[in-house]
C-alpha cells in the first residue's frame, strides 16, 4: 500500500504544480500564499497529541489547507498540504513516513477540492457548504489512508482503529473546520485581518501542546508503567476521594485486595519477562471488574464503588474465577486470593479499610488460596495472632543473636596483650586442677606465722 499511495501522491502534486504554474497570480496573492506556507510548516512542526488516537496528533495544517482549497482551488491546497508536511523532517521522522504523509495529505486535498468544484463560493450559503464539504472529505480520506497504514504496521484491526481514531479526532477536526471558515471569511475581507486569526490559532496550538505534556507527565506519575493501572500513590488518593464521596452520598464502598498465588514459581520457571506478561494479562482482566490498581509486585487492588458486602463478594468471586480460567502462553494456570472490606460496615477510614482488607486477604492465603474472604472480626484476630507468632519467633531469634554478640569475648580475642600480673596469676590458678589448688592451700596453712599476722584471705579485699 505504501508504494501505490506515494506514487499517486507524486502524480497529484506534479499535476497540481503544472496547473498552478499555468495560471496567473498577483504578487499580493503569492505573498499571502507564502505566509500561509510558513504558518502551515510551523503548525506541522508542533502538532497537538490527541488521546485515544493511534495515528498521532493533529496540527493546524488542516485549517490552512481547507481554507486554501476554498479560496484558491484544489491545486493550491494540494501544494500547500505537500509542502507543509515536510516540516515533519525537523522532528527527525523517517523520510519514508514523511513521504507517505505528504502523499496522503496531497491526495486528501485534491479530492476535497474536486468535491466543491460545483459550488459558487461567492454565495454565503454555498461558501458554508464548500467549507463543510471540503473539511469532511479531507478529513475522511486522511483518516482512511493513515489508519490503513497504522493497521498494516501494527497488525491491529482496521475497523477498530477507524472507530478509535474517529472518536479521538472528530471533535478537534470539527473545531478546526470552523476555524477554516473564519479564516476564509477574514481573508476575503482583508489578508491583514486573516493574519490576526493565524497568530491566536498557533498560540492556542502551542498552549494545548504544553498542557497535554503536563497532563501526560502527571498521568505517568500516577500510572504503573508495566500494566497501565494506577500505581500505589494513585490508589491512596483515589481511595480517599471515594471514601469522602461515599460518606457524603451515604453509599457503600468496598475495597478488594488481590494477590497472585505462588507467582514466584512463574518467574523462577519461565523468567521475569514471562512474569511481566502474566501481570499485564491480570491487569487487563481486573479492568473489567472495577477501577483497578497495582500496588507493587503481584499485589493489586480494585475499588468497588456502590458495592455492599454481598455485591462486592459476587464481583470479587467473578474476578477470581475469571483469572483462574485465563490461558497463559506456557499453558500455565494461575490462581489469586482476594480479601474484602466494606465501608462503613467494617472500616470507616482509609488506613483501617486497607488493614481489614489485607487481614482478610491473609486469611484467604493461609486457608488454601484461590478464594475470596470478606472481613470478619474472627478473621482479623486469627490473622493478627499468626502475624504476631511469626514476628515473635523472628524477634526471639534476633534477641538470641544479639545476646551472643554482646557476650564476653573469648580469651583468644584478647590477642597478645599482656595481662596484669595479679590477673594473670588468678587466671593461671583458675586453670589448675581442683586437687592441686586444695594442696596449695594446705601448704599455705602449714606455714609459720608471726604473732598478730592475719591469715591469708581472711581480711577484706
Protein backbone atom coordinates (compact mmCIF):
# COMPACT_ATOMS: atom_id res chain seq x y z
CA UNK A 1 0.00 0.00 0.00
CA UNK A 2 2.92 2.33 0.62
CA UNK A 3 4.11 2.36 -2.98
CA UNK A 4 0.71 2.99 -4.64
CA UNK A 5 -0.17 5.82 -2.24
CA UNK A 6 3.22 7.51 -2.67
CA UNK A 7 3.03 7.14 -6.46
CA UNK A 8 -0.47 8.62 -6.51
CA UNK A 9 0.70 11.46 -4.26
CA UNK A 10 3.65 12.30 -6.51
CA UNK A 11 1.41 12.38 -9.60
CA UNK A 12 -1.15 14.52 -7.78
CA UNK A 13 1.45 17.05 -6.64
CA UNK A 14 3.04 17.18 -10.09
CA UNK A 15 -0.31 17.78 -11.78
CA UNK A 16 -1.21 20.45 -9.22
CA UNK A 17 2.14 22.21 -9.79
CA UNK A 18 1.54 22.27 -13.56
CA UNK A 19 -1.95 23.67 -13.12
CA UNK A 20 -0.78 26.26 -10.58
CA UNK A 21 2.08 27.41 -12.82
CA UNK A 22 -0.20 27.82 -15.82
CA UNK A 23 -2.47 30.28 -14.01
CA UNK A 24 -1.63 33.98 -13.46
CA UNK A 25 -1.15 35.12 -9.85
CA UNK A 26 -0.61 38.58 -8.46
CA UNK A 27 2.28 39.45 -6.22
CA UNK A 28 -0.09 40.04 -3.32
CA UNK A 29 -1.60 36.58 -3.74
CA UNK A 30 1.82 34.95 -3.90
CA UNK A 31 2.91 36.80 -0.75
CA UNK A 32 -0.22 35.67 1.06
CA UNK A 33 0.36 32.08 -0.05
CA UNK A 34 3.97 32.26 1.15
CA UNK A 35 2.78 33.37 4.57
CA UNK A 36 0.27 30.50 4.64
CA UNK A 37 3.06 28.05 3.77
CA UNK A 38 5.21 29.34 6.61
CA UNK A 39 2.30 29.17 9.04
CA UNK A 40 1.48 25.63 7.86
CA UNK A 41 5.03 24.42 8.30
CA UNK A 42 5.21 25.95 11.77
CA UNK A 43 1.91 24.33 12.75
CA UNK A 44 3.05 20.96 11.39
CA UNK A 45 6.27 21.26 13.31
CA UNK A 46 4.35 21.36 16.62
CA UNK A 47 1.34 19.01 16.37
CA UNK A 48 -1.02 18.51 19.29
CA UNK A 49 -1.27 14.90 20.56
CA UNK A 50 -4.78 13.51 20.84
CA UNK A 51 -5.90 10.96 23.40
CA UNK A 52 -7.41 7.79 22.00
CA UNK A 53 -5.90 8.18 18.51
CA UNK A 54 -3.32 5.70 17.25
CA UNK A 55 -2.36 7.78 14.23
CA UNK A 56 -0.55 10.53 16.11
CA UNK A 57 -1.66 14.09 16.81
CA UNK A 58 -3.38 16.82 14.83
CA UNK A 59 -2.00 20.13 13.60
CA UNK A 60 -3.34 23.41 12.23
CA UNK A 61 -2.11 22.45 8.77
CA UNK A 62 -5.62 21.11 8.24
CA UNK A 63 -7.07 24.60 8.83
CA UNK A 64 -4.77 26.25 6.29
CA UNK A 65 -5.26 23.52 3.69
CA UNK A 66 -9.08 23.66 3.82
CA UNK A 67 -9.07 27.46 3.70
CA UNK A 68 -6.65 27.45 0.76
CA UNK A 69 -8.79 24.93 -1.16
CA UNK A 70 -11.88 27.12 -0.76
CA UNK A 71 -10.05 30.36 -1.56
CA UNK A 72 -7.68 29.34 -4.39
CA UNK A 73 -8.74 25.87 -5.58
CA UNK A 74 -7.53 22.31 -5.26
CA UNK A 75 -4.18 22.95 -6.97
CA UNK A 76 -3.01 25.46 -4.38
CA UNK A 77 -4.40 23.43 -1.49
CA UNK A 78 -2.59 20.29 -2.72
CA UNK A 79 0.76 22.08 -2.98
CA UNK A 80 0.31 23.66 0.45
CA UNK A 81 -0.50 20.28 2.03
CA UNK A 82 2.52 18.57 0.46
CA UNK A 83 5.00 21.36 1.26
CA UNK A 84 3.78 21.89 4.81
CA UNK A 85 4.03 18.19 5.63
CA UNK A 86 7.78 18.11 5.01
CA UNK A 87 8.21 20.13 8.20
CA UNK A 88 7.96 16.74 9.90
CA UNK A 89 11.57 16.17 8.87
CA UNK A 90 12.51 18.64 11.60
CA UNK A 91 11.08 16.14 14.10
CA UNK A 92 13.63 13.53 12.91
CA UNK A 93 10.93 11.28 11.46
CA UNK A 94 11.87 8.71 8.81
CA UNK A 95 11.82 10.03 5.27
CA UNK A 96 9.55 7.24 4.09
CA UNK A 97 6.99 8.13 6.74
CA UNK A 98 7.10 11.81 5.87
CA UNK A 99 6.75 10.98 2.17
CA UNK A 100 3.71 8.83 2.86
CA UNK A 101 2.09 11.54 5.00
CA UNK A 102 2.75 14.17 2.33
CA UNK A 103 1.20 11.93 -0.32
CA UNK A 104 -1.86 11.27 1.84
CA UNK A 105 -2.36 14.98 2.59
CA UNK A 106 -1.94 15.89 -1.07
CA UNK A 107 -4.45 13.27 -2.20
CA UNK A 108 -6.92 14.34 0.52
CA UNK A 109 -6.64 17.99 -0.54
CA UNK A 110 -7.11 17.14 -4.21
CA UNK A 111 -10.21 15.03 -3.53
CA UNK A 112 -11.64 17.71 -1.22
CA UNK A 113 -11.04 20.39 -3.87
CA UNK A 114 -12.68 18.27 -6.55
CA UNK A 115 -15.72 17.77 -4.31
CA UNK A 116 -16.50 21.53 -4.19
CA UNK A 117 -15.85 22.46 -7.81
CA UNK A 118 -19.57 22.74 -8.47
CA UNK A 119 -20.13 25.23 -5.60
CA UNK A 120 -20.09 29.02 -6.03
CA UNK A 121 -18.19 30.37 -3.04
CA UNK A 122 -19.36 33.93 -3.70
CA UNK A 123 -22.70 32.98 -2.16
CA UNK A 124 -22.78 32.84 1.64
CA UNK A 125 -24.77 29.62 1.79
CA UNK A 126 -22.60 27.86 -0.77
CA UNK A 127 -19.49 29.17 0.97
CA UNK A 128 -20.59 27.49 4.17
CA UNK A 129 -21.35 24.34 2.21
CA UNK A 130 -17.96 24.45 0.48
CA UNK A 131 -16.08 24.71 3.77
CA UNK A 132 -18.16 21.93 5.30
CA UNK A 133 -17.77 19.56 2.34
CA UNK A 134 -14.05 20.24 1.96
CA UNK A 135 -13.48 19.71 5.67
CA UNK A 136 -15.40 16.44 5.73
CA UNK A 137 -13.85 14.97 2.58
CA UNK A 138 -10.30 15.97 3.53
CA UNK A 139 -10.74 14.51 7.00
CA UNK A 140 -12.32 11.27 5.75
CA UNK A 141 -9.69 10.49 3.11
CA UNK A 142 -6.90 11.37 5.53
CA UNK A 143 -8.41 9.16 8.24
CA UNK A 144 -8.83 6.13 5.98
CA UNK A 145 -5.35 6.22 4.45
CA UNK A 146 -3.46 6.95 7.67
CA UNK A 147 -5.41 4.32 9.62
CA UNK A 148 -4.77 1.74 6.90
CA UNK A 149 -1.03 2.30 7.21
CA UNK A 150 -1.15 2.03 11.01
CA UNK A 151 -3.22 -1.15 10.76
CA UNK A 152 -0.73 -2.79 8.40
CA UNK A 153 2.23 -1.81 10.57
CA UNK A 154 0.78 -2.83 13.95
CA UNK A 155 -1.44 -5.71 12.88
CA UNK A 156 -4.48 -4.22 14.62
CA UNK A 157 -7.97 -4.38 13.24
CA UNK A 158 -8.65 -1.67 10.66
CA UNK A 159 -12.27 -1.28 11.77
CA UNK A 160 -11.36 -0.89 15.42
CA UNK A 161 -8.65 1.63 14.59
CA UNK A 162 -11.06 3.67 12.48
CA UNK A 163 -13.52 3.77 15.37
CA UNK A 164 -10.94 4.74 17.96
CA UNK A 165 -9.33 7.37 15.73
CA UNK A 166 -12.71 8.82 14.83
CA UNK A 167 -13.70 9.11 18.47
CA UNK A 168 -10.40 10.76 19.31
CA UNK A 169 -10.19 13.23 16.42
CA UNK A 170 -13.71 14.10 15.26
CA UNK A 171 -14.17 16.96 17.72
CA UNK A 172 -10.73 18.59 17.14
CA UNK A 173 -11.18 18.42 13.37
CA UNK A 174 -14.71 19.85 13.61
CA UNK A 175 -13.35 22.79 15.57
CA UNK A 176 -10.57 23.26 13.04
CA UNK A 177 -13.17 23.21 10.25
CA UNK A 178 -14.95 26.14 11.91
CA UNK A 179 -11.58 27.90 12.25
CA UNK A 180 -11.03 27.36 8.50
CA UNK A 181 -14.38 29.05 7.83
CA UNK A 182 -13.35 32.10 9.88
CA UNK A 183 -10.01 32.22 8.06
CA UNK A 184 -11.79 32.19 4.68
CA UNK A 185 -14.17 34.99 5.68
CA UNK A 186 -11.37 37.16 7.06
CA UNK A 187 -9.17 36.53 4.02
CA UNK A 188 -11.91 37.65 1.66
CA UNK A 189 -12.27 40.85 3.68
CA UNK A 190 -8.55 41.50 4.04
CA UNK A 191 -5.38 39.45 4.20
CA UNK A 192 -4.25 41.55 7.15
CA UNK A 193 -7.32 40.54 9.13
CA UNK A 194 -6.60 36.89 8.43
CA UNK A 195 -3.17 37.32 9.99
CA UNK A 196 -4.95 38.38 13.18
CA UNK A 197 -6.52 34.90 13.26
CA UNK A 198 -3.41 32.90 12.37
CA UNK A 199 -1.45 34.17 15.35
CA UNK A 200 -4.03 33.20 18.02
CA UNK A 201 -4.55 29.81 16.35
CA UNK A 202 -0.86 28.97 16.58
CA UNK A 203 -0.72 30.28 20.16
CA UNK A 204 -3.66 28.06 21.13
CA UNK A 205 -1.99 25.09 19.46
CA UNK A 206 1.22 25.62 21.41
CA UNK A 207 -0.72 26.05 24.65
CA UNK A 208 -2.64 22.82 24.06
CA UNK A 209 0.61 21.04 23.32
CA UNK A 210 2.23 22.20 26.57
CA UNK A 211 -0.94 21.38 28.53
CA UNK A 212 -1.02 17.90 27.07
CA UNK A 213 2.60 17.34 28.07
CA UNK A 214 1.89 18.47 31.62
CA UNK A 215 -1.14 16.19 31.88
CA UNK A 216 0.83 13.31 30.42
CA UNK A 217 3.61 13.80 32.96
CA UNK A 218 1.04 13.87 35.75
CA UNK A 219 -0.59 10.74 34.40
CA UNK A 220 2.74 8.93 34.22
CA UNK A 221 3.40 9.83 37.84
CA UNK A 222 0.16 8.07 38.81
CA UNK A 223 0.37 5.08 36.44
CA UNK A 224 2.16 1.78 36.70
CA UNK A 225 4.32 1.54 33.55
CA UNK A 226 4.01 -2.25 33.18
CA UNK A 227 0.26 -2.73 33.45
CA UNK A 228 -1.11 0.75 32.77
CA UNK A 229 -3.09 0.62 36.01
CA UNK A 230 -2.94 3.23 38.70
CA UNK A 231 0.07 2.90 40.97
CA UNK A 232 0.30 2.86 44.77
CA UNK A 233 0.15 6.64 45.07
CA UNK A 234 -2.86 6.90 42.80
CA UNK A 235 -4.60 4.16 44.76
CA UNK A 236 -4.34 6.02 48.06
CA UNK A 237 -5.54 9.27 46.51
CA UNK A 238 -8.50 7.65 44.76
CA UNK A 239 -9.49 5.65 47.82
CA UNK A 240 -9.52 8.77 49.97
CA UNK A 241 -11.66 10.67 47.44
CA UNK A 242 -14.06 7.76 47.02
CA UNK A 243 -14.43 7.42 50.79
CA UNK A 244 -15.32 11.09 51.11
CA UNK A 245 -17.80 10.84 48.24
CA UNK A 246 -19.35 7.67 49.68
CA UNK A 247 -19.73 9.27 53.10
CA UNK A 248 -21.39 12.37 51.64
CA UNK A 249 -23.76 10.32 49.48
CA UNK A 250 -24.43 7.68 52.11
CA UNK A 251 -23.35 4.90 49.75
CA UNK A 252 -21.24 1.82 50.47
CA UNK A 253 -17.73 1.35 49.15
CA UNK A 254 -15.86 -1.94 49.05
CA UNK A 255 -12.14 -2.50 48.71
CA UNK A 256 -10.83 -5.73 47.23
CA UNK A 257 -7.14 -6.59 47.62
CA UNK A 258 -5.87 -9.30 45.26
CA UNK A 259 -2.64 -11.28 45.35
CA UNK A 260 -1.43 -13.80 42.75
CA UNK A 261 -0.84 -17.19 44.33
CA UNK A 262 2.69 -18.62 44.01
CA UNK A 263 3.73 -16.01 41.49
CA UNK A 264 7.39 -16.64 42.27
CA UNK A 265 7.02 -20.03 40.61
CA UNK A 266 6.19 -18.32 37.30
CA UNK A 267 9.27 -16.11 37.48
CA UNK A 268 11.55 -18.97 38.50
CA UNK A 269 10.30 -21.35 35.83
CA UNK A 270 9.81 -19.07 32.81
CA UNK A 271 11.73 -15.91 33.67
CA UNK A 272 10.76 -12.41 34.67
CA UNK A 273 9.67 -11.28 31.16
CA UNK A 274 7.06 -14.05 31.17
CA UNK A 275 6.01 -12.97 34.65
CA UNK A 276 5.58 -9.39 33.44
CA UNK A 277 3.32 -10.60 30.64
CA UNK A 278 1.25 -12.52 33.15
CA UNK A 279 0.84 -9.38 35.26
CA UNK A 280 -0.27 -7.45 32.19
CA UNK A 281 -2.90 -10.08 31.44
CA UNK A 282 -4.10 -9.99 35.03
CA UNK A 283 -4.39 -6.20 34.84
CA UNK A 284 -6.50 -6.49 31.67
CA UNK A 285 -8.95 -8.81 33.43
CA UNK A 286 -9.08 -6.62 36.53
CA UNK A 287 -10.19 -3.60 34.50
CA UNK A 288 -13.42 -5.44 33.78
CA UNK A 289 -14.29 -5.66 37.47
CA UNK A 290 -13.81 -2.05 38.55
CA UNK A 291 -11.19 0.65 38.97
CA UNK A 292 -8.01 -1.38 39.40
CA UNK A 293 -4.56 -0.50 40.72
CA UNK A 294 -1.23 -2.26 41.01
CA UNK A 295 0.18 -1.82 44.49
CA UNK A 296 3.50 -3.48 43.74
CA UNK A 297 4.82 -6.89 42.71
CA UNK A 298 1.87 -9.24 42.26
CA UNK A 299 -0.48 -7.27 44.52
CA UNK A 300 -3.49 -5.46 43.10
CA UNK A 301 -6.47 -3.52 44.40
CA UNK A 302 -9.94 -2.96 42.97
CA UNK A 303 -12.27 -0.20 44.14
CA UNK A 304 -15.92 -1.28 44.04
CA UNK A 305 -17.99 1.86 44.36
CA UNK A 306 -21.63 1.49 45.40
CA UNK A 307 -20.99 -2.18 46.32
CA UNK A 308 -22.22 -3.55 49.61
CA UNK A 309 -20.89 -6.77 51.13
CA UNK A 310 -22.97 -9.18 49.04
CA UNK A 311 -22.48 -7.34 45.74
CA UNK A 312 -18.75 -6.94 46.37
CA UNK A 313 -18.43 -10.64 47.20
CA UNK A 314 -20.12 -11.58 43.92
CA UNK A 315 -17.86 -9.25 41.94
CA UNK A 316 -14.69 -10.45 43.66
CA UNK A 317 -15.70 -14.08 43.13
CA UNK A 318 -16.21 -13.46 39.43
CA UNK A 319 -12.77 -11.82 39.26
CA UNK A 320 -11.13 -14.83 40.91
CA UNK A 321 -12.94 -17.25 38.59
CA UNK A 322 -12.09 -15.19 35.51
CA UNK A 323 -8.40 -15.12 36.42
CA UNK A 324 -8.39 -18.82 37.17
CA UNK A 325 -9.75 -19.53 33.66
CA UNK A 326 -7.21 -17.26 31.98
CA UNK A 327 -4.98 -19.02 29.44
CA UNK A 328 -1.28 -18.19 29.55
CA UNK A 329 1.39 -18.60 26.93
CA UNK A 330 3.06 -21.54 28.69
CA UNK A 331 -0.18 -23.46 29.32
CA UNK A 332 0.09 -22.44 32.95
CA UNK A 333 -2.86 -21.67 35.18
CA UNK A 334 -2.73 -19.10 37.88
CA UNK A 335 -4.96 -18.52 40.85
CA UNK A 336 -5.45 -15.48 43.03
CA UNK A 337 -6.61 -14.81 46.55
CA UNK A 338 -8.74 -11.82 47.49
CA UNK A 339 -9.73 -10.01 50.67
CA UNK A 340 -12.73 -7.70 51.03
CA UNK A 341 -13.73 -4.95 53.42
CA UNK A 342 -16.71 -2.60 53.07
CA UNK A 343 -17.29 0.97 54.18
CA UNK A 344 -18.99 1.82 56.51
CA UNK A 345 -19.85 -1.66 57.80
CA UNK A 346 -16.27 -2.60 58.74
CA UNK A 347 -13.84 0.25 58.17
CA UNK A 348 -14.51 3.97 58.31
CA UNK A 349 -11.09 5.32 57.35
CA UNK A 350 -8.68 4.74 54.52
CA UNK A 351 -5.95 3.07 56.58
CA UNK A 352 -8.44 0.97 58.52
CA UNK A 353 -10.18 -0.24 55.36
CA UNK A 354 -6.83 -1.23 53.86
CA UNK A 355 -5.79 -3.02 57.04
CA UNK A 356 -9.00 -5.02 57.26
CA UNK A 357 -8.90 -5.97 53.59
CA UNK A 358 -5.29 -7.05 53.98
CA UNK A 359 -6.20 -9.20 57.01
CA UNK A 360 -8.98 -10.89 55.03
CA UNK A 361 -6.53 -11.48 52.19
CA UNK A 362 -4.04 -13.00 54.63
CA UNK A 363 -6.73 -15.35 55.90
CA UNK A 364 -7.58 -16.42 52.34
CA UNK A 365 -3.90 -17.10 51.59
CA UNK A 366 -3.45 -19.15 54.78
CA UNK A 367 -6.56 -21.28 54.18
CA UNK A 368 -5.97 -22.78 50.76
CA UNK A 369 -5.63 -19.76 48.43
CA UNK A 370 -7.72 -19.44 45.24
CA UNK A 371 -10.62 -17.94 47.16
CA UNK A 372 -12.28 -14.75 48.39
CA UNK A 373 -12.77 -13.88 52.02
CA UNK A 374 -14.69 -10.92 53.35
CA UNK A 375 -13.63 -9.31 56.59
CA UNK A 376 -14.96 -10.72 59.85
CA UNK A 377 -13.69 -10.00 63.38
CA UNK A 378 -12.56 -13.58 63.90
CA UNK A 379 -10.67 -13.37 60.62
CA UNK A 380 -8.62 -10.42 61.68
CA UNK A 381 -7.98 -11.89 65.12
CA UNK A 382 -6.61 -15.10 63.63
CA UNK A 383 -4.54 -13.22 61.09
CA UNK A 384 -3.10 -10.89 63.71
CA UNK A 385 -2.23 -13.80 66.01
CA UNK A 386 -0.40 -15.61 63.26
CA UNK A 387 1.44 -12.46 62.29
CA UNK A 388 2.45 -11.92 65.89
CA UNK A 389 3.54 -15.54 66.22
CA UNK A 390 5.68 -15.36 63.14
CA UNK A 391 7.11 -12.00 64.06
CA UNK A 392 7.68 -13.18 67.68
CA UNK A 393 9.81 -16.07 66.54
CA UNK A 394 11.88 -13.78 64.41
CA UNK A 395 12.21 -11.36 67.27
CA UNK A 396 13.38 -14.09 69.66
CA UNK A 397 15.93 -15.26 67.13
CA UNK A 398 17.19 -11.74 66.76
CA UNK A 399 17.47 -11.39 70.54
CA UNK A 400 19.46 -14.62 70.79
CA UNK A 401 21.81 -13.46 68.05
CA UNK A 402 22.25 -10.09 69.74
CA UNK A 403 22.95 -11.75 73.09
CA UNK A 404 25.62 -13.96 71.59
CA UNK A 405 27.24 -10.95 70.01
CA UNK A 406 27.08 -8.89 73.18
CA UNK A 407 28.52 -11.67 75.44
CA UNK A 408 32.10 -11.73 76.90
CA UNK A 409 34.85 -12.09 74.35
CA UNK A 410 36.78 -15.39 74.41
CA UNK A 411 40.40 -15.30 75.66
CA UNK A 412 41.86 -15.67 72.20
CA UNK A 413 40.11 -12.47 71.17
CA UNK A 414 42.43 -10.57 73.51
CA UNK A 415 45.37 -11.22 71.23
CA UNK A 416 48.89 -10.92 72.60
CA UNK A 417 48.21 -8.07 75.01
CA UNK A 418 49.91 -8.82 78.34
CA UNK A 419 47.57 -9.04 81.31
CA UNK A 420 48.40 -7.51 84.72
CA UNK A 421 50.39 -9.79 86.97
CA UNK A 422 47.63 -10.25 89.55
CA UNK A 423 45.02 -11.02 86.85
CA UNK A 424 47.41 -13.42 85.14
CA UNK A 425 48.08 -15.20 88.42
CA UNK A 426 44.35 -15.55 89.10
CA UNK A 427 43.77 -16.79 85.59
CA UNK A 428 46.59 -19.34 85.97
CA UNK A 429 45.24 -20.59 89.26
CA UNK A 430 41.77 -20.83 87.81
CA UNK A 431 43.08 -23.14 85.14
CA UNK A 432 44.82 -25.53 87.66
CA UNK A 433 43.02 -28.72 88.64
CA UNK A 434 40.95 -28.62 91.78
CA UNK A 435 43.06 -31.09 93.75
CA UNK A 436 46.23 -29.04 93.09
CA UNK A 437 44.55 -25.93 94.38
CA UNK A 438 43.48 -27.72 97.52
CA UNK A 439 47.06 -28.95 98.08
CA UNK A 440 48.40 -25.41 97.66
CA UNK A 441 46.01 -24.15 100.25
CA UNK A 442 47.05 -26.85 102.73
CA UNK A 443 50.71 -25.97 102.33
CA UNK A 444 49.87 -22.34 102.96
CA UNK A 445 48.10 -23.29 106.13
CA UNK A 446 51.22 -25.12 107.41
CA UNK A 447 53.50 -22.11 107.04
CA UNK A 448 54.57 -20.43 110.32
CA UNK A 449 53.00 -17.07 111.04
CA UNK A 450 54.26 -14.24 113.13
CA UNK A 451 52.29 -13.14 116.13
CA UNK A 452 49.49 -10.78 115.09
CA UNK A 453 49.76 -11.74 111.41
CA UNK A 454 46.33 -12.27 109.88
CA UNK A 455 45.51 -15.31 107.92
CA UNK A 456 45.66 -15.02 104.15
CA UNK A 457 42.33 -14.35 102.66
CA UNK A 458 40.60 -13.56 105.97
CA UNK A 459 40.74 -9.79 105.68
CA UNK A 460 38.61 -7.63 103.50
CA UNK A 461 39.74 -7.18 99.92
